[in-house]
Amino acid sequence: MRATNLPYSILYRFGSWSLAPAYDVTDAHNPKGEWTYQHLMSVNGKFAGITRADLLVVADRFGIGTAASLLRGVNESVSAWPDHARRAALPEKEWRRIGAEHQLL
């Protein structure tokens, strides 16, 4: 997802959190980029080195009681990245580069 769109990808409407429709999902990490070398939206006051504990602190702050379960689901999906990339016919060099940036939380 493009870093500039992340704040618009999560909605709080009608008393609950939900994901906005995906419309611009791309790999935006560029270690040499001015805007893409790190997250631009902090998580628990951090822009780098974000941990599962950080996510759970923020989830608790906003009353997201299902956060641990959601993280398990995300971890399962991220773990399946190589399979998704192969099915999409992404060149192996590219999916390995992108996969090296993934972090299970």
Protein backbone atom coordinates (compact mmCIF):
# COMPACT_ATOMS: atom_id res chain seq x y z
CA MET A 1 0.00 0.00 0.00
CA ARG A 2 1.31 3.43 -0.80
CA ALA A 3 2.48 5.10 2.39
CA THR A 4 0.49 8.23 1.59
CA ASN A 5 -2.77 6.26 1.51
CA LEU A 6 -2.42 4.30 4.74
CA PRO A 7 -4.35 6.78 6.90
CA TYR A 8 -7.30 6.44 4.52
CA SER A 9 -7.32 2.65 4.56
CA ILE A 10 -8.82 2.29 8.05
CA LEU A 11 -12.22 3.77 8.78
CA TYR A 12 -14.04 4.40 12.05
CA ARG A 13 -17.72 4.57 11.26
CA PHE A 14 -20.84 3.81 13.20
CA GLY A 15 -18.88 2.93 16.35
CA SER A 16 -16.57 0.32 14.83
CA TRP A 17 -13.32 0.03 12.89
CA SER A 18 -13.16 -1.42 9.40
CA LEU A 19 -10.85 -1.51 6.42
CA ALA A 20 -11.59 0.86 3.59
CA PRO A 21 -11.85 -0.65 0.12
CA ALA A 22 -8.44 -1.40 -1.33
CA TYR A 23 -7.76 0.80 -4.33
CA ASP A 24 -4.03 1.36 -4.40
CA VAL A 25 -2.24 -1.64 -2.94
CA THR A 26 1.41 -1.59 -3.97
CA ASP A 27 4.80 -2.25 -2.45
CA ALA A 28 6.01 1.22 -1.46
CA HIS A 29 9.19 0.45 0.48
CA ASN A 30 12.32 2.08 -0.88
CA PRO A 31 15.23 2.28 1.60
CA LYS A 32 16.61 5.30 -0.29
CA GLY A 33 13.29 7.12 -0.76
CA GLU A 34 12.56 10.33 1.10
CA TRP A 35 9.01 9.22 1.97
CA THR A 36 9.23 5.44 1.71
CA TYR A 37 12.23 4.42 3.80
CA GLN A 38 10.06 3.99 6.91
CA HIS A 39 6.47 4.18 8.05
CA LEU A 40 5.16 7.73 8.04
CA MET A 41 2.39 6.97 10.52
CA SER A 42 3.62 6.09 13.99
CA VAL A 43 2.41 3.09 15.93
CA ASN A 44 2.60 3.61 19.68
CA GLY A 45 4.98 6.51 19.06
CA LYS A 46 7.33 4.48 16.84
CA PHE A 47 8.09 4.78 13.14
CA ALA A 48 10.44 1.76 13.08
CA GLY A 49 10.93 -1.34 15.18
CA ILE A 50 7.18 -1.71 15.65
CA THR A 51 6.32 -4.85 17.62
CA ARG A 52 3.26 -6.94 18.29
CA ALA A 53 3.15 -5.38 21.76
CA ASP A 54 2.99 -1.90 20.18
CA LEU A 55 0.05 -2.91 18.02
CA LEU A 56 -1.75 -4.42 21.00
CA VAL A 57 -1.21 -1.26 23.09
CA VAL A 58 -2.80 0.83 20.34
CA ALA A 59 -5.61 -1.71 19.92
CA ASP A 60 -6.31 -1.55 23.64
CA ARG A 61 -6.31 2.26 23.54
CA PHE A 62 -8.99 2.20 20.84
CA GLY A 63 -10.98 -0.71 22.27
CA ILE A 64 -10.18 -3.22 19.52
CA GLY A 65 -10.70 -6.37 21.56
CA THR A 66 -10.20 -8.69 18.60
CA ALA A 67 -6.68 -7.44 17.83
CA ALA A 68 -4.84 -10.64 18.81
CA SER A 69 -7.13 -12.71 16.60
CA LEU A 70 -6.77 -10.22 13.73
CA LEU A 71 -2.98 -10.33 14.03
CA ARG A 72 -3.05 -14.13 13.83
CA GLY A 73 -5.04 -13.88 10.61
CA VAL A 74 -2.67 -11.29 9.17
CA ASN A 75 0.33 -13.46 10.10
CA GLU A 76 -1.27 -16.42 8.32
CA SER A 77 -1.81 -14.33 5.20
CA VAL A 78 1.67 -12.84 5.26
CA SER A 79 3.16 -16.31 5.75
CA ALA A 80 1.40 -17.38 2.54
CA TRP A 81 3.01 -14.51 0.57
CA PRO A 82 5.22 -16.77 -1.59
CA ASP A 83 2.18 -18.78 -2.70
CA HIS A 84 0.21 -15.62 -3.53
CA ALA A 85 3.16 -14.16 -5.44
CA ARG A 86 3.68 -17.35 -7.46
CA ARG A 87 -0.02 -17.52 -8.38
CA ALA A 88 0.19 -13.90 -9.54
CA ALA A 89 3.23 -14.82 -11.67
CA LEU A 90 5.43 -12.29 -9.90
CA PRO A 91 9.08 -12.87 -10.79
CA GLU A 92 10.82 -14.81 -8.04
CA LYS A 93 13.50 -12.17 -7.52
CA GLU A 94 10.79 -9.56 -6.94
CA TRP A 95 8.63 -11.60 -4.57
CA ARG A 96 11.69 -12.60 -2.56
CA ARG A 97 12.72 -8.92 -2.30
CA ILE A 98 9.27 -7.92 -1.11
CA GLY A 99 8.99 -10.94 1.20
CA ALA A 100 12.27 -10.03 2.88
CA GLU A 101 10.55 -6.88 4.16
CA HIS A 102 7.68 -8.76 5.78
CA GLN A 103 7.59 -9.07 9.54
CA LEU A 104 5.32 -11.45 11.40
CA LEU A 105 3.87 -9.91 14.52
